[in-house]
C-alpha cells in the first residue's frame, strides 16, 4: 500500500512535528524620484507639480523647490519602481504640455 502524496507547500507530517515549506520573500527595491534644476522651469510650476503629483503641502513643495534651486537636485519621493517611473512619465508629459523643460529622473535607493 502506498502513502498519498501531499501537494507542494502543504504541511508535511513527520511523527509529532509538522514541517511547512516557506518561500523566501524579499522586500522590493525602492526608487528615488529626483527633480533637477534648470534655468527655464519656473519655481511656481515646480511647486504646483510637487503639490499636484507628489501630494506635498505648499510648505513642503516650497522647501523642495528651493533645495532643487540651490543644490541642483532633490528627492521628491521614494516609491516602488513602477510607481516612480509612472510619476516621472506623468510629470514629464504635463511639463511638455505646459512648455516647461522640467527634468525628473529615477534612481535606485
Protein backbone atom coordinates (compact mmCIF):
# COMPACT_ATOMS: atom_id res chain seq x y z
CA UNK A 1 0.00 0.00 0.00
CA UNK A 2 1.47 3.40 -0.96
CA UNK A 3 1.20 6.62 1.05
CA UNK A 4 -0.72 9.51 -0.52
CA UNK A 5 1.44 12.32 -1.91
CA UNK A 6 0.99 15.80 -0.48
CA UNK A 7 0.92 18.83 -2.74
CA UNK A 8 3.92 21.22 -2.68
CA UNK A 9 3.68 23.75 0.13
CA UNK A 10 1.32 21.61 2.21
CA UNK A 11 2.34 20.76 5.77
CA UNK A 12 4.39 17.60 5.97
CA UNK A 13 3.63 15.22 8.81
CA UNK A 14 6.68 13.56 10.20
CA UNK A 15 5.97 11.96 13.52
CA UNK A 16 4.89 14.53 16.11
CA UNK A 17 6.28 17.57 14.28
CA UNK A 18 4.64 19.44 11.40
CA UNK A 19 7.02 20.99 8.92
CA UNK A 20 5.85 23.61 6.49
CA UNK A 21 7.85 24.79 3.49
CA UNK A 22 8.11 28.54 3.22
CA UNK A 23 9.04 30.53 0.19
CA UNK A 24 11.67 33.17 0.69
CA UNK A 25 10.38 36.69 0.23
CA UNK A 26 12.31 39.86 -0.33
CA UNK A 27 11.49 43.50 0.04
CA UNK A 28 11.16 45.08 -3.41
CA UNK A 29 13.81 47.63 -4.25
CA UNK A 30 12.69 51.24 -3.91
CA UNK A 31 13.49 54.10 -6.28
CA UNK A 32 14.01 57.83 -5.76
CA UNK A 33 12.29 60.36 -7.99
CA UNK A 34 14.67 63.28 -8.44
CA UNK A 35 13.90 66.81 -9.65
CA UNK A 36 16.78 68.53 -11.45
CA UNK A 37 17.40 72.26 -11.67
CA UNK A 38 17.25 74.10 -14.96
CA UNK A 39 17.24 77.78 -15.93
CA UNK A 40 13.79 77.81 -17.58
CA UNK A 41 11.20 75.96 -15.49
CA UNK A 42 9.53 78.45 -13.18
CA UNK A 43 9.63 78.00 -9.44
CA UNK A 44 5.84 78.31 -9.29
CA UNK A 45 5.46 75.46 -11.76
CA UNK A 46 7.77 73.19 -9.72
CA UNK A 47 5.72 73.92 -6.59
CA UNK A 48 2.49 73.18 -8.47
CA UNK A 49 3.82 69.84 -9.74
CA UNK A 50 5.08 68.81 -6.31
CA UNK A 51 1.67 69.55 -4.80
CA UNK A 52 -0.37 68.00 -7.62
CA UNK A 53 1.60 64.84 -8.41
CA UNK A 54 3.52 64.20 -5.18
CA UNK A 55 0.85 65.39 -2.72
CA UNK A 56 3.19 67.78 -0.91
CA UNK A 57 1.87 70.62 1.20
CA UNK A 58 2.65 74.11 -0.03
CA UNK A 59 5.41 74.47 2.59
CA UNK A 60 6.97 71.10 1.67
CA UNK A 61 6.80 71.95 -2.03
CA UNK A 62 8.43 75.34 -1.44
CA UNK A 63 11.23 73.74 0.59
CA UNK A 64 11.87 71.07 -2.09
CA UNK A 65 11.81 73.64 -4.88
CA UNK A 66 14.39 75.77 -3.04
CA UNK A 67 16.55 72.69 -2.46
CA UNK A 68 16.46 71.92 -6.20
CA UNK A 69 17.27 75.55 -6.98
CA UNK A 70 20.22 75.77 -4.56
CA UNK A 71 21.68 72.25 -4.70
CA UNK A 72 20.83 71.27 -8.27
CA UNK A 73 18.52 68.38 -7.41
CA UNK A 74 16.25 67.00 -4.69
CA UNK A 75 14.29 63.83 -3.94
CA UNK A 76 10.55 64.30 -4.41
CA UNK A 77 9.67 60.81 -3.18
CA UNK A 78 10.71 57.18 -2.86
CA UNK A 79 8.50 54.52 -4.44
CA UNK A 80 8.44 51.04 -5.95
CA UNK A 81 9.94 51.10 -9.44
CA UNK A 82 6.68 51.10 -11.42
CA UNK A 83 5.19 53.92 -9.33
CA UNK A 84 8.37 56.02 -9.64
CA UNK A 85 8.54 55.55 -13.41
CA UNK A 86 4.84 56.36 -13.80
CA UNK A 87 5.20 59.58 -11.81
CA UNK A 88 8.17 60.65 -13.94
CA UNK A 89 6.24 59.94 -17.15
CA UNK A 90 3.13 61.82 -15.96
CA UNK A 91 5.06 64.86 -14.77
CA UNK A 92 7.24 64.94 -17.90
CA UNK A 93 4.14 64.83 -20.12
CA UNK A 94 2.47 67.58 -18.06
CA UNK A 95 5.62 69.73 -18.22
CA UNK A 96 5.88 69.35 -22.00
CA UNK A 97 2.20 70.29 -22.39
CA UNK A 98 2.94 73.48 -20.42
CA UNK A 99 6.16 74.32 -22.27
CA UNK A 100 8.47 73.51 -19.37
CA UNK A 101 11.75 71.58 -19.79
CA UNK A 102 11.50 70.10 -16.28
CA UNK A 103 13.77 67.08 -15.84
CA UNK A 104 12.98 64.25 -13.47
CA UNK A 105 14.92 61.02 -13.13
CA UNK A 106 14.59 57.73 -11.26
CA UNK A 107 17.45 56.02 -9.48
CA UNK A 108 17.69 53.13 -7.02
CA UNK A 109 17.63 53.98 -3.35
